[in-house]
N, C-alpha and C. Protein backbone atom coordinates (compact mmCIF):
# COMPACT_ATOMS: atom_id res chain seq x y z
N UNK A 1 -80.06 28.01 -62.95
CA UNK A 1 -79.17 29.07 -63.12
C UNK A 1 -79.95 30.29 -63.26
N UNK A 2 -79.57 31.48 -62.50
CA UNK A 2 -80.22 32.69 -62.43
C UNK A 2 -79.85 33.37 -63.80
N UNK A 3 -80.88 34.33 -64.33
CA UNK A 3 -80.69 35.08 -65.38
C UNK A 3 -80.03 36.41 -65.07
N UNK A 4 -79.95 36.82 -63.84
CA UNK A 4 -79.52 38.12 -63.53
C UNK A 4 -77.98 37.91 -62.94
N UNK A 5 -77.13 38.53 -63.87
CA UNK A 5 -75.73 38.72 -63.52
C UNK A 5 -75.45 39.96 -63.38
N UNK A 6 -74.69 40.30 -62.19
CA UNK A 6 -74.07 41.69 -62.07
C UNK A 6 -72.40 41.53 -62.14
N UNK A 7 -72.09 42.59 -63.13
CA UNK A 7 -70.70 42.40 -63.39
C UNK A 7 -69.95 43.60 -62.64
N UNK A 8 -68.83 43.55 -61.81
CA UNK A 8 -68.10 44.61 -61.49
C UNK A 8 -66.64 44.23 -61.54
N UNK A 9 -65.69 45.07 -61.15
CA UNK A 9 -64.28 45.03 -61.23
C UNK A 9 -64.07 43.86 -60.38
N UNK A 10 -62.76 43.09 -60.76
CA UNK A 10 -62.20 42.08 -59.99
C UNK A 10 -61.64 42.75 -58.74
N UNK A 11 -61.13 43.93 -58.61
CA UNK A 11 -60.43 44.59 -57.78
C UNK A 11 -60.48 46.05 -57.86
N UNK A 12 -60.44 46.85 -56.80
CA UNK A 12 -60.34 48.31 -56.80
C UNK A 12 -59.45 48.77 -55.57
N UNK A 13 -58.72 49.78 -55.62
CA UNK A 13 -57.90 50.26 -54.53
C UNK A 13 -58.92 50.44 -53.28
N UNK A 14 -58.12 50.58 -52.08
CA UNK A 14 -58.72 50.68 -50.85
C UNK A 14 -59.96 51.77 -50.63
N UNK A 15 -59.53 52.98 -51.33
CA UNK A 15 -60.27 54.11 -50.84
C UNK A 15 -61.86 54.02 -51.51
N UNK A 16 -62.06 53.74 -52.75
CA UNK A 16 -63.46 53.43 -53.08
C UNK A 16 -64.23 52.21 -52.66
N UNK A 17 -63.58 51.27 -51.95
CA UNK A 17 -64.23 50.06 -51.73
C UNK A 17 -65.53 50.65 -50.64
N UNK A 18 -66.65 49.96 -50.91
CA UNK A 18 -67.72 50.17 -50.08
C UNK A 18 -68.61 51.40 -50.93
N UNK A 19 -68.05 51.94 -51.81
CA UNK A 19 -68.93 52.98 -52.60
C UNK A 19 -68.79 52.70 -53.97
N UNK A 20 -68.33 51.67 -54.58
CA UNK A 20 -68.39 51.42 -56.15
C UNK A 20 -69.81 50.95 -56.40
N UNK A 21 -70.19 51.55 -57.48
CA UNK A 21 -71.79 51.57 -57.60
C UNK A 21 -72.57 50.23 -57.80
N UNK A 22 -71.78 49.22 -57.89
CA UNK A 22 -72.34 48.02 -57.85
C UNK A 22 -73.16 47.71 -56.59
N UNK A 23 -72.64 48.54 -55.54
CA UNK A 23 -73.41 48.41 -54.26
C UNK A 23 -75.04 48.71 -54.32
N UNK A 24 -75.19 49.54 -55.27
CA UNK A 24 -76.69 50.07 -55.49
C UNK A 24 -77.40 48.96 -55.98
N UNK A 25 -76.90 48.19 -56.81
CA UNK A 25 -77.53 47.17 -57.62
C UNK A 25 -77.78 45.91 -56.57
N UNK A 26 -76.65 45.43 -55.92
CA UNK A 26 -76.65 44.37 -54.87
C UNK A 26 -77.64 44.79 -53.90
N UNK A 27 -77.68 46.04 -53.39
CA UNK A 27 -78.65 46.35 -52.48
C UNK A 27 -80.15 46.12 -53.13
N UNK A 28 -80.44 46.50 -54.08
CA UNK A 28 -81.62 46.27 -54.67
C UNK A 28 -82.04 44.72 -54.80
N UNK A 29 -81.19 43.98 -55.33
CA UNK A 29 -81.27 42.52 -55.46
C UNK A 29 -81.67 41.94 -54.17
N UNK A 30 -80.89 42.33 -53.25
CA UNK A 30 -80.94 41.83 -51.77
C UNK A 30 -82.51 42.07 -51.41
N UNK A 31 -82.73 43.47 -51.39
CA UNK A 31 -84.13 43.87 -50.88
C UNK A 31 -85.14 43.29 -51.60
N UNK A 32 -85.13 42.74 -52.92
CA UNK A 32 -86.16 42.15 -53.77
C UNK A 32 -86.15 40.66 -53.45
N UNK A 33 -85.11 40.11 -53.07
CA UNK A 33 -84.81 38.83 -52.82
C UNK A 33 -84.90 38.01 -54.31
N UNK A 34 -84.15 38.76 -55.09
CA UNK A 34 -84.12 38.38 -56.60
C UNK A 34 -82.68 37.50 -56.69
N UNK A 35 -82.70 36.33 -57.04
CA UNK A 35 -81.49 35.39 -57.21
C UNK A 35 -80.56 36.00 -58.32
N UNK A 36 -79.20 36.06 -58.03
CA UNK A 36 -78.45 36.66 -58.94
C UNK A 36 -76.77 36.24 -58.48
N UNK A 37 -76.07 36.47 -59.56
CA UNK A 37 -74.61 35.97 -59.23
C UNK A 37 -73.80 37.17 -59.69
N UNK A 38 -72.48 37.37 -59.17
CA UNK A 38 -71.58 38.29 -59.48
C UNK A 38 -70.54 37.74 -60.30
N UNK A 39 -70.32 38.47 -61.53
CA UNK A 39 -69.12 38.27 -62.24
C UNK A 39 -67.97 39.30 -62.05
N UNK A 40 -66.86 39.14 -62.47
CA UNK A 40 -65.75 39.94 -62.42
C UNK A 40 -65.34 40.42 -63.77
N UNK A 41 -64.78 41.67 -63.94
CA UNK A 41 -64.12 42.08 -65.10
C UNK A 41 -62.73 42.65 -64.74
N UNK A 42 -61.72 42.62 -65.27
CA UNK A 42 -60.46 43.04 -64.95
C UNK A 42 -60.58 44.79 -64.69
N UNK A 43 -59.86 45.13 -63.77
CA UNK A 43 -59.95 46.50 -63.19
C UNK A 43 -58.59 47.26 -64.25
N UNK A 44 -57.70 46.46 -64.27
CA UNK A 44 -56.33 47.04 -65.01
C UNK A 44 -56.44 46.68 -66.52
N UNK A 45 -57.19 45.94 -67.03
CA UNK A 45 -57.21 45.55 -68.54
C UNK A 45 -58.57 45.66 -69.09
N UNK A 46 -58.91 46.69 -69.61
CA UNK A 46 -60.47 46.87 -70.03
C UNK A 46 -60.35 46.57 -71.51
N UNK A 47 -61.13 45.57 -71.98
CA UNK A 47 -60.97 45.21 -73.22
C UNK A 47 -62.06 45.36 -73.90
N UNK A 48 -62.17 45.01 -75.25
CA UNK A 48 -63.30 45.28 -76.05
C UNK A 48 -64.65 44.71 -75.48
N UNK A 49 -64.62 43.40 -74.79
CA UNK A 49 -65.70 42.86 -74.15
C UNK A 49 -66.47 43.92 -73.12
N UNK A 50 -65.47 44.45 -72.46
CA UNK A 50 -65.76 45.50 -71.26
C UNK A 50 -66.53 46.51 -71.97
N UNK A 51 -66.12 47.10 -72.90
CA UNK A 51 -66.53 48.51 -73.64
C UNK A 51 -68.08 47.94 -74.38
N UNK A 52 -67.89 46.91 -74.81
CA UNK A 52 -69.23 46.31 -75.62
C UNK A 52 -70.28 46.43 -74.42
N UNK A 53 -70.14 46.28 -73.10
CA UNK A 53 -71.34 46.40 -72.08
C UNK A 53 -71.37 47.75 -71.51
N UNK A 54 -70.23 48.51 -71.33
CA UNK A 54 -70.29 49.56 -70.59
C UNK A 54 -69.28 50.56 -71.52
N UNK A 55 -70.01 51.55 -72.35
CA UNK A 55 -69.10 52.21 -73.28
C UNK A 55 -68.09 53.00 -72.62
N UNK A 56 -68.09 53.42 -71.39
CA UNK A 56 -67.07 54.31 -70.79
C UNK A 56 -65.96 53.44 -69.84
N UNK A 57 -66.33 52.18 -69.90
CA UNK A 57 -65.19 51.27 -69.31
C UNK A 57 -65.44 51.35 -67.88
N UNK A 58 -66.53 51.68 -67.40
CA UNK A 58 -66.77 51.63 -66.12
C UNK A 58 -67.59 50.37 -65.61
N UNK A 59 -68.01 50.28 -64.23
CA UNK A 59 -68.76 49.20 -63.76
C UNK A 59 -69.77 49.96 -62.78
N UNK A 60 -71.18 49.19 -62.76
CA UNK A 60 -71.23 47.82 -63.08
C UNK A 60 -72.21 47.84 -64.38
N UNK A 61 -72.52 46.56 -64.85
CA UNK A 61 -73.71 46.36 -65.74
C UNK A 61 -74.34 45.30 -65.29
N UNK A 62 -75.58 45.00 -65.60
CA UNK A 62 -76.33 44.23 -65.35
C UNK A 62 -76.85 43.57 -66.65
N UNK A 63 -76.79 41.92 -66.68
CA UNK A 63 -77.35 41.35 -67.75
C UNK A 63 -78.62 40.59 -67.10
N UNK A 64 -79.76 40.45 -67.85
CA UNK A 64 -80.90 39.83 -67.51
C UNK A 64 -81.43 39.07 -68.72
N UNK A 65 -81.01 37.77 -68.73
CA UNK A 65 -81.13 36.78 -69.90
C UNK A 65 -80.38 37.61 -71.00
N UNK A 66 -80.87 38.07 -72.16
CA UNK A 66 -80.35 38.64 -73.36
C UNK A 66 -80.20 40.02 -73.18
N UNK A 67 -80.78 40.64 -72.12
CA UNK A 67 -80.64 42.01 -72.08
C UNK A 67 -79.48 42.44 -71.26
N UNK A 68 -78.77 43.45 -71.70
CA UNK A 68 -77.42 44.02 -70.99
C UNK A 68 -77.75 45.54 -70.68
N UNK A 69 -77.52 45.77 -69.39
CA UNK A 69 -77.96 47.39 -69.04
C UNK A 69 -76.72 47.90 -68.21
N UNK A 70 -76.29 49.13 -68.64
CA UNK A 70 -75.17 49.76 -67.88
C UNK A 70 -76.06 51.08 -67.18
N UNK A 71 -75.27 51.89 -66.35
CA UNK A 71 -75.75 52.88 -65.64
C UNK A 71 -76.54 52.29 -64.29
N UNK A 72 -76.22 52.76 -63.28
CA UNK A 72 -76.93 52.25 -62.02
C UNK A 72 -78.39 52.61 -61.99
N UNK A 73 -78.61 53.84 -62.26
CA UNK A 73 -80.05 54.14 -62.25
C UNK A 73 -80.87 53.40 -63.32
N UNK A 74 -80.38 52.95 -64.41
CA UNK A 74 -81.26 52.34 -65.51
C UNK A 74 -81.38 50.91 -64.78
N UNK A 75 -80.20 50.29 -64.11
CA UNK A 75 -80.18 48.87 -63.66
C UNK A 75 -81.32 49.01 -62.49
N UNK A 76 -81.39 50.04 -61.60
CA UNK A 76 -82.47 50.04 -60.59
C UNK A 76 -83.91 50.25 -61.14
N UNK A 77 -83.87 50.97 -61.99
CA UNK A 77 -85.34 51.11 -62.79
C UNK A 77 -85.79 49.70 -63.18
N UNK A 78 -84.79 49.00 -63.86
CA UNK A 78 -85.23 47.76 -64.45
C UNK A 78 -85.47 46.79 -63.28
N UNK A 79 -84.95 46.71 -62.36
CA UNK A 79 -85.25 45.79 -61.12
C UNK A 79 -86.52 46.34 -60.56
N UNK A 80 -86.84 47.53 -60.38
CA UNK A 80 -88.04 48.19 -59.65
C UNK A 80 -89.08 47.51 -60.61
N UNK A 81 -89.02 47.63 -61.92
CA UNK A 81 -90.08 47.11 -62.71
C UNK A 81 -90.38 45.51 -62.69
N UNK A 82 -89.32 44.91 -62.01
CA UNK A 82 -89.49 43.50 -61.87
C UNK A 82 -90.23 43.15 -60.36
N UNK A 83 -89.90 44.00 -59.47
CA UNK A 83 -90.47 43.81 -58.22
C UNK A 83 -91.07 44.74 -57.41
N UNK A 84 -92.51 44.50 -56.89
CA UNK A 84 -93.24 45.50 -56.25
C UNK A 84 -92.56 45.94 -54.88
N UNK A 85 -91.53 45.06 -54.41
CA UNK A 85 -90.81 45.37 -53.29
C UNK A 85 -89.81 46.61 -53.40
N UNK A 86 -89.47 47.16 -54.82
CA UNK A 86 -88.72 48.09 -55.23
C UNK A 86 -89.30 49.13 -55.85
N UNK A 87 -90.35 48.84 -56.37
CA UNK A 87 -91.31 50.02 -57.18
C UNK A 87 -92.65 49.46 -57.19
N UNK A 88 -93.75 50.46 -56.51
CA UNK A 88 -94.93 49.92 -56.33
C UNK A 88 -95.94 49.93 -57.87
N UNK A 89 -96.71 49.17 -57.94
CA UNK A 89 -97.43 49.22 -59.16
C UNK A 89 -98.73 50.19 -59.42
N UNK A 90 -98.89 50.86 -58.42
CA UNK A 90 -100.06 51.95 -58.49
C UNK A 90 -99.19 53.01 -59.45
N UNK A 91 -99.81 53.67 -60.56
CA UNK A 91 -99.17 54.33 -61.48
C UNK A 91 -98.68 55.78 -60.99
N UNK A 92 -99.48 56.31 -59.85
CA UNK A 92 -99.04 57.57 -59.31
C UNK A 92 -97.89 57.20 -58.27
N UNK A 93 -97.93 56.24 -57.44
CA UNK A 93 -96.62 56.05 -56.59
C UNK A 93 -95.52 55.49 -57.43
N UNK A 94 -95.66 54.91 -58.64
CA UNK A 94 -94.77 54.35 -59.68
C UNK A 94 -94.02 55.76 -60.21
N UNK A 95 -94.83 56.54 -60.51
CA UNK A 95 -94.30 58.02 -61.18
C UNK A 95 -93.43 58.62 -60.10
N UNK A 96 -94.04 58.57 -58.95
CA UNK A 96 -93.27 59.35 -57.85
C UNK A 96 -91.79 58.71 -57.53
N UNK A 97 -91.77 57.46 -57.65
CA UNK A 97 -90.54 56.78 -57.42
C UNK A 97 -89.59 57.13 -58.51
N UNK A 98 -90.01 57.04 -59.83
CA UNK A 98 -89.14 57.52 -60.92
C UNK A 98 -88.56 58.78 -60.85
N UNK A 99 -89.36 59.70 -60.52
CA UNK A 99 -89.16 61.08 -60.44
C UNK A 99 -87.93 61.39 -59.46
N UNK A 100 -88.09 60.68 -58.27
CA UNK A 100 -87.09 60.78 -57.29
C UNK A 100 -85.70 60.05 -57.77
N UNK A 101 -85.95 59.02 -58.33
CA UNK A 101 -84.82 58.09 -58.79
C UNK A 101 -83.97 59.07 -59.83
N UNK A 102 -84.64 59.65 -60.66
CA UNK A 102 -83.84 60.73 -61.44
C UNK A 102 -83.50 61.86 -60.96
N UNK A 103 -83.98 62.40 -59.87
CA UNK A 103 -83.56 63.64 -59.03
C UNK A 103 -82.29 63.05 -58.43
N UNK A 104 -82.38 62.00 -57.88
CA UNK A 104 -80.95 61.61 -57.06
C UNK A 104 -79.67 61.70 -58.02
N UNK A 105 -79.76 61.38 -59.46
CA UNK A 105 -78.80 61.28 -60.18
C UNK A 105 -78.66 62.75 -60.73
N UNK A 106 -79.52 63.31 -61.30
CA UNK A 106 -79.65 64.61 -62.04
C UNK A 106 -79.35 65.66 -61.31
N UNK A 107 -80.10 65.80 -60.01
CA UNK A 107 -80.07 67.03 -59.33
C UNK A 107 -79.11 67.03 -57.84
N UNK A 108 -79.06 65.90 -57.28
CA UNK A 108 -78.10 65.65 -56.04
C UNK A 108 -76.82 65.09 -56.42
N UNK A 109 -76.67 64.07 -57.28
CA UNK A 109 -75.50 63.35 -57.44
C UNK A 109 -74.47 64.38 -58.39
N UNK A 110 -75.26 65.07 -59.37
CA UNK A 110 -74.56 66.19 -60.16
C UNK A 110 -73.96 67.13 -59.24
N UNK A 111 -74.47 67.42 -58.06
CA UNK A 111 -73.65 68.41 -57.23
C UNK A 111 -72.58 67.83 -56.33
N UNK A 112 -73.06 66.45 -55.81
CA UNK A 112 -72.10 65.76 -54.90
C UNK A 112 -70.95 65.12 -55.53
N UNK A 113 -70.98 64.76 -56.80
CA UNK A 113 -70.08 63.96 -57.34
C UNK A 113 -68.82 64.84 -57.55
N UNK A 114 -68.70 66.08 -58.29
CA UNK A 114 -67.59 66.88 -58.33
C UNK A 114 -66.88 67.49 -56.81
N UNK A 115 -67.84 67.64 -56.01
CA UNK A 115 -67.70 68.02 -54.70
C UNK A 115 -66.62 66.72 -54.04
N UNK A 116 -67.11 65.38 -54.28
CA UNK A 116 -66.52 64.28 -53.76
C UNK A 116 -65.11 64.14 -54.41
N UNK A 117 -65.04 64.55 -55.68
CA UNK A 117 -63.60 64.44 -56.45
C UNK A 117 -62.41 65.23 -55.67
N UNK A 118 -63.06 66.31 -55.20
CA UNK A 118 -62.10 67.20 -54.45
C UNK A 118 -61.89 66.54 -53.00
N UNK A 119 -62.82 66.08 -52.37
CA UNK A 119 -62.51 65.36 -51.34
C UNK A 119 -61.62 64.17 -51.37
N UNK A 120 -61.86 63.53 -52.36
CA UNK A 120 -60.93 62.35 -52.46
C UNK A 120 -59.61 62.49 -52.82
N UNK A 121 -59.44 63.78 -53.65
CA UNK A 121 -57.92 64.06 -53.99
C UNK A 121 -57.20 64.60 -52.83
N UNK A 122 -57.97 65.25 -51.81
CA UNK A 122 -57.20 66.27 -50.84
C UNK A 122 -57.12 67.39 -51.18
N UNK A 123 -57.46 67.94 -52.20
CA UNK A 123 -57.30 69.26 -52.58
C UNK A 123 -57.80 70.04 -51.94
N UNK A 124 -57.27 71.08 -50.96
CA UNK A 124 -57.84 72.17 -50.24
C UNK A 124 -57.77 73.55 -50.60
N UNK A 125 -57.23 73.63 -51.92
CA UNK A 125 -57.12 74.94 -52.39
C UNK A 125 -58.50 75.71 -52.57
N UNK A 126 -58.44 77.04 -52.15
CA UNK A 126 -59.61 77.77 -52.03
C UNK A 126 -59.86 78.52 -53.28
N UNK A 127 -60.36 78.08 -54.22
CA UNK A 127 -60.51 78.65 -55.55
C UNK A 127 -62.10 78.89 -55.80
N UNK A 128 -62.32 79.65 -56.87
CA UNK A 128 -63.59 80.32 -57.19
C UNK A 128 -64.38 78.79 -57.70
N UNK A 129 -63.61 77.89 -58.25
CA UNK A 129 -64.54 76.81 -58.79
C UNK A 129 -64.81 75.95 -57.53
N UNK A 130 -64.03 75.73 -56.55
CA UNK A 130 -64.40 75.14 -55.21
C UNK A 130 -65.35 75.67 -54.59
N UNK A 131 -65.57 77.03 -54.49
CA UNK A 131 -66.47 77.74 -53.87
C UNK A 131 -67.77 77.52 -54.50
N UNK A 132 -68.03 77.68 -55.88
CA UNK A 132 -68.94 77.07 -56.66
C UNK A 132 -69.55 75.79 -56.32
N UNK A 133 -68.66 74.94 -56.33
CA UNK A 133 -69.06 73.51 -56.08
C UNK A 133 -69.66 73.15 -54.58
N UNK A 134 -68.99 73.90 -53.72
CA UNK A 134 -69.44 73.86 -52.42
C UNK A 134 -70.84 74.53 -52.07
N UNK A 135 -70.97 75.48 -52.94
CA UNK A 135 -72.37 76.23 -52.98
C UNK A 135 -73.38 75.48 -53.61
N UNK A 136 -72.95 74.69 -54.70
CA UNK A 136 -73.95 74.07 -55.47
C UNK A 136 -74.64 72.74 -54.72
N UNK A 137 -73.70 72.19 -53.89
CA UNK A 137 -74.08 71.10 -53.05
C UNK A 137 -74.78 71.53 -51.82
N UNK A 138 -74.42 72.62 -51.40
CA UNK A 138 -75.16 73.34 -50.19
C UNK A 138 -76.71 73.43 -50.58
N UNK A 139 -76.86 73.90 -51.69
CA UNK A 139 -78.25 74.36 -52.21
C UNK A 139 -79.01 73.04 -52.23
N UNK A 140 -78.44 72.02 -52.87
CA UNK A 140 -79.10 70.70 -53.20
C UNK A 140 -79.58 70.19 -51.80
N UNK A 141 -78.38 70.29 -50.91
CA UNK A 141 -78.78 69.57 -49.61
C UNK A 141 -79.81 70.40 -48.74
N UNK A 142 -80.03 71.64 -49.05
CA UNK A 142 -80.94 72.28 -48.21
C UNK A 142 -82.42 71.87 -48.85
N UNK A 143 -82.37 71.70 -49.93
CA UNK A 143 -83.77 71.40 -50.62
C UNK A 143 -84.04 69.96 -50.13
N UNK A 144 -82.98 69.16 -50.00
CA UNK A 144 -83.42 67.46 -49.66
C UNK A 144 -83.53 67.53 -48.00
N UNK A 145 -82.90 68.56 -47.28
CA UNK A 145 -83.29 68.57 -45.83
C UNK A 145 -84.85 68.96 -45.61
N UNK A 146 -85.31 69.81 -46.48
CA UNK A 146 -86.70 70.21 -46.46
C UNK A 146 -87.60 69.05 -46.76
N UNK A 147 -87.31 68.23 -47.90
CA UNK A 147 -88.11 67.24 -48.14
C UNK A 147 -87.98 66.08 -47.14
N UNK A 148 -86.86 65.72 -46.75
CA UNK A 148 -86.69 64.58 -45.70
C UNK A 148 -87.01 64.77 -44.35
N UNK A 149 -87.10 66.15 -43.96
CA UNK A 149 -87.65 66.42 -42.72
C UNK A 149 -89.17 65.97 -42.45
N UNK A 150 -89.84 65.84 -43.53
CA UNK A 150 -91.29 65.54 -43.55
C UNK A 150 -91.71 64.25 -43.99
N UNK A 151 -90.97 63.39 -44.36
CA UNK A 151 -91.15 62.02 -44.92
C UNK A 151 -90.00 61.07 -44.33
N UNK A 152 -90.42 59.77 -44.16
CA UNK A 152 -89.57 58.82 -43.85
C UNK A 152 -88.64 58.09 -45.23
N UNK A 153 -89.41 57.82 -46.14
CA UNK A 153 -88.97 57.50 -47.58
C UNK A 153 -89.45 58.47 -48.58
N UNK A 154 -88.81 58.51 -49.75
CA UNK A 154 -89.17 59.55 -50.69
C UNK A 154 -90.54 59.44 -51.40
N UNK A 155 -90.93 58.33 -51.67
CA UNK A 155 -92.09 57.88 -52.29
C UNK A 155 -93.01 57.10 -51.39
N UNK A 156 -93.26 57.37 -50.24
CA UNK A 156 -94.16 56.68 -49.28
C UNK A 156 -93.42 55.51 -48.64
N UNK A 157 -93.12 54.48 -49.59
CA UNK A 157 -92.65 53.13 -48.97
C UNK A 157 -91.07 53.14 -49.51
N UNK A 158 -90.33 52.27 -48.88
CA UNK A 158 -89.14 52.30 -49.39
C UNK A 158 -88.88 51.82 -50.77
N UNK A 159 -87.98 52.26 -51.75
CA UNK A 159 -88.23 51.97 -52.93
C UNK A 159 -86.70 52.10 -53.55
N UNK A 160 -86.46 51.80 -54.96
CA UNK A 160 -85.19 52.15 -55.62
C UNK A 160 -84.77 53.54 -55.48
N UNK A 161 -85.59 54.56 -55.29
CA UNK A 161 -85.29 55.85 -55.36
C UNK A 161 -84.55 56.06 -53.85
N UNK A 162 -85.01 55.54 -52.89
CA UNK A 162 -84.34 55.58 -51.59
C UNK A 162 -82.78 55.03 -51.78
N UNK A 163 -82.87 53.73 -52.56
CA UNK A 163 -81.47 53.10 -52.67
C UNK A 163 -80.39 54.20 -53.27
N UNK A 164 -80.95 54.61 -54.38
CA UNK A 164 -79.94 55.54 -55.15
C UNK A 164 -79.84 56.81 -54.35
N UNK A 165 -80.73 57.70 -53.76
CA UNK A 165 -80.71 58.80 -52.96
C UNK A 165 -79.86 58.51 -51.66
N UNK A 166 -80.05 57.31 -51.11
CA UNK A 166 -79.16 57.20 -49.76
C UNK A 166 -77.60 56.87 -50.15
N UNK A 167 -77.67 56.32 -51.14
CA UNK A 167 -76.14 56.05 -51.58
C UNK A 167 -75.45 57.26 -52.03
N UNK A 168 -76.08 58.31 -52.68
CA UNK A 168 -75.47 59.56 -53.06
C UNK A 168 -75.08 60.29 -51.72
N UNK A 169 -76.10 60.29 -50.88
CA UNK A 169 -75.98 60.99 -49.58
C UNK A 169 -75.06 60.34 -48.73
N UNK A 170 -74.77 59.22 -48.78
CA UNK A 170 -73.98 58.28 -47.86
C UNK A 170 -72.47 58.57 -48.16
N UNK A 171 -72.16 58.97 -49.40
CA UNK A 171 -70.72 59.30 -49.65
C UNK A 171 -70.61 60.79 -49.12
N UNK A 172 -71.56 61.63 -49.27
CA UNK A 172 -71.29 63.02 -48.65
C UNK A 172 -71.28 62.99 -47.24
N UNK A 173 -71.78 62.06 -46.71
CA UNK A 173 -71.89 61.88 -45.34
C UNK A 173 -70.28 61.47 -44.81
N UNK A 174 -69.99 60.61 -45.53
CA UNK A 174 -68.69 60.00 -45.15
C UNK A 174 -67.56 60.94 -45.32
N UNK A 175 -67.73 62.15 -45.66
CA UNK A 175 -66.86 63.32 -45.65
C UNK A 175 -67.39 64.43 -44.65
N UNK A 176 -68.28 64.02 -44.05
CA UNK A 176 -68.96 64.98 -42.86
C UNK A 176 -69.77 65.99 -43.66
N UNK A 177 -70.25 65.80 -44.96
CA UNK A 177 -70.79 66.92 -45.74
C UNK A 177 -72.36 67.15 -45.39
N UNK A 178 -72.76 66.23 -44.37
CA UNK A 178 -74.17 66.35 -44.09
C UNK A 178 -74.29 67.11 -42.62
N UNK A 179 -73.11 67.50 -42.13
CA UNK A 179 -73.12 68.21 -40.89
C UNK A 179 -74.13 69.53 -41.03
N UNK A 180 -75.04 69.63 -40.19
CA UNK A 180 -76.00 70.72 -40.41
C UNK A 180 -77.07 70.46 -41.19
N UNK A 181 -77.24 69.10 -41.55
CA UNK A 181 -78.50 68.72 -42.32
C UNK A 181 -78.96 67.32 -41.55
N UNK A 182 -79.53 67.38 -40.54
CA UNK A 182 -79.92 66.34 -39.61
C UNK A 182 -80.83 65.44 -40.17
N UNK A 183 -81.76 65.85 -40.97
CA UNK A 183 -82.83 65.04 -41.71
C UNK A 183 -82.16 64.10 -42.72
N UNK A 184 -81.18 64.65 -43.46
CA UNK A 184 -80.33 64.20 -44.42
C UNK A 184 -79.66 62.94 -43.76
N UNK A 185 -78.86 63.42 -42.62
CA UNK A 185 -78.21 62.33 -42.03
C UNK A 185 -78.92 61.19 -41.34
N UNK A 186 -80.16 61.34 -40.75
CA UNK A 186 -81.11 60.47 -40.38
C UNK A 186 -81.69 59.54 -41.42
N UNK A 187 -81.86 60.11 -42.41
CA UNK A 187 -82.29 59.31 -43.45
C UNK A 187 -81.11 58.29 -43.96
N UNK A 188 -80.14 58.74 -44.18
CA UNK A 188 -78.99 57.78 -44.56
C UNK A 188 -78.88 56.76 -43.70
N UNK A 189 -78.95 57.16 -42.16
CA UNK A 189 -78.96 56.21 -41.23
C UNK A 189 -79.95 55.19 -41.20
N UNK A 190 -81.11 55.61 -41.44
CA UNK A 190 -82.31 54.60 -41.65
C UNK A 190 -82.00 53.67 -42.79
N UNK A 191 -81.64 54.30 -43.85
CA UNK A 191 -81.69 53.46 -45.13
C UNK A 191 -80.50 52.41 -45.02
N UNK A 192 -79.27 52.80 -44.41
CA UNK A 192 -78.08 51.88 -44.12
C UNK A 192 -78.31 50.87 -42.86
N UNK A 193 -79.40 51.11 -42.19
CA UNK A 193 -79.70 50.01 -41.31
C UNK A 193 -80.38 48.86 -41.63
N UNK A 194 -80.75 49.07 -42.91
CA UNK A 194 -81.57 47.77 -43.41
C UNK A 194 -80.60 46.72 -43.55
N UNK A 195 -81.27 45.38 -43.59
CA UNK A 195 -80.32 44.34 -43.54
C UNK A 195 -79.67 44.02 -45.06
N UNK A 196 -80.55 44.42 -45.78
CA UNK A 196 -80.11 44.25 -47.40
C UNK A 196 -79.07 45.19 -47.65
N UNK A 197 -78.87 46.45 -47.03
CA UNK A 197 -77.67 47.18 -47.23
C UNK A 197 -76.55 46.62 -46.58
N UNK A 198 -76.67 46.00 -45.29
CA UNK A 198 -75.61 45.46 -44.72
C UNK A 198 -75.05 44.34 -45.30
N UNK A 199 -75.89 43.61 -46.09
CA UNK A 199 -75.17 42.16 -46.80
C UNK A 199 -74.44 42.81 -48.05
N UNK A 200 -75.23 43.80 -48.76
CA UNK A 200 -74.65 44.15 -50.05
C UNK A 200 -73.22 44.93 -49.67
N UNK A 201 -73.10 45.57 -48.65
CA UNK A 201 -71.88 46.39 -48.28
C UNK A 201 -70.86 45.30 -47.93
N UNK A 202 -71.24 44.38 -47.06
CA UNK A 202 -70.25 43.23 -46.75
C UNK A 202 -69.79 42.48 -47.93
N UNK A 203 -70.84 42.13 -48.91
CA UNK A 203 -70.32 41.30 -49.96
C UNK A 203 -69.42 42.14 -50.91
N UNK A 204 -69.57 43.29 -51.15
CA UNK A 204 -68.73 44.22 -52.03
C UNK A 204 -67.41 44.22 -51.41
N UNK A 205 -67.29 44.46 -50.03
CA UNK A 205 -65.89 44.46 -49.44
C UNK A 205 -65.23 43.03 -49.36
N UNK A 206 -65.91 42.16 -49.29
CA UNK A 206 -65.23 40.69 -49.46
C UNK A 206 -64.88 40.49 -50.78
N UNK A 207 -65.73 40.84 -51.84
CA UNK A 207 -65.62 40.68 -53.09
C UNK A 207 -63.88 41.27 -53.72
N UNK A 208 -63.62 42.43 -53.26
CA UNK A 208 -62.50 43.13 -53.55
C UNK A 208 -61.34 42.76 -52.86
N UNK A 209 -61.76 42.53 -51.59
CA UNK A 209 -60.62 41.98 -50.67
C UNK A 209 -60.00 40.54 -50.94
N UNK A 210 -61.06 39.95 -51.76
CA UNK A 210 -60.53 38.46 -52.17
C UNK A 210 -59.47 38.45 -53.26
N UNK A 211 -59.46 39.65 -53.97
CA UNK A 211 -58.51 39.85 -55.11
C UNK A 211 -57.00 40.37 -54.70
N UNK A 212 -57.11 40.68 -53.19
CA UNK A 212 -55.80 41.45 -52.58
C UNK A 212 -54.54 40.43 -52.68
């Protein structure tokens, strides 16, 4: 029996399917070839057991034996430390992976997440807050465009940093937010063309569809 167990919701509405963050962990597990199984937690009834693993009532979380980890970035870091296919052992390269992993969360997703909330809601009102959020994301994408125009992957070879960054940018791209940023779009296309992403994506869709 595998020690790696990924827990996600048993069901979610149609709109977020394919983007629920367990896909990041599925992707990493597939890339590394680590055996794992998926458990479900109720979407509509989040009880004490859920909050004991994920204090915000979200998903996913990963258990590795007697270790329980929440937050997708922390899970990717944990898996990177288990597999050289996800994070190299060379200290310099390892440091570069880690800094880009955190940049994906703290610098890029910090801008893309509030922007995506407006997109998901269908709110088109032109407010000062909306203009600020649009500008914040554009500034981050300009910097990522410069970085990605000069490299295939963030830290030399494909790593957990690319899984996280590509997933963040993939959501932006789904709303045509990468128009005008061709290097970012090409990067997302390269990453999502990997067989491990295709399997993770298909598995997530099948998981939620099975509960319909």
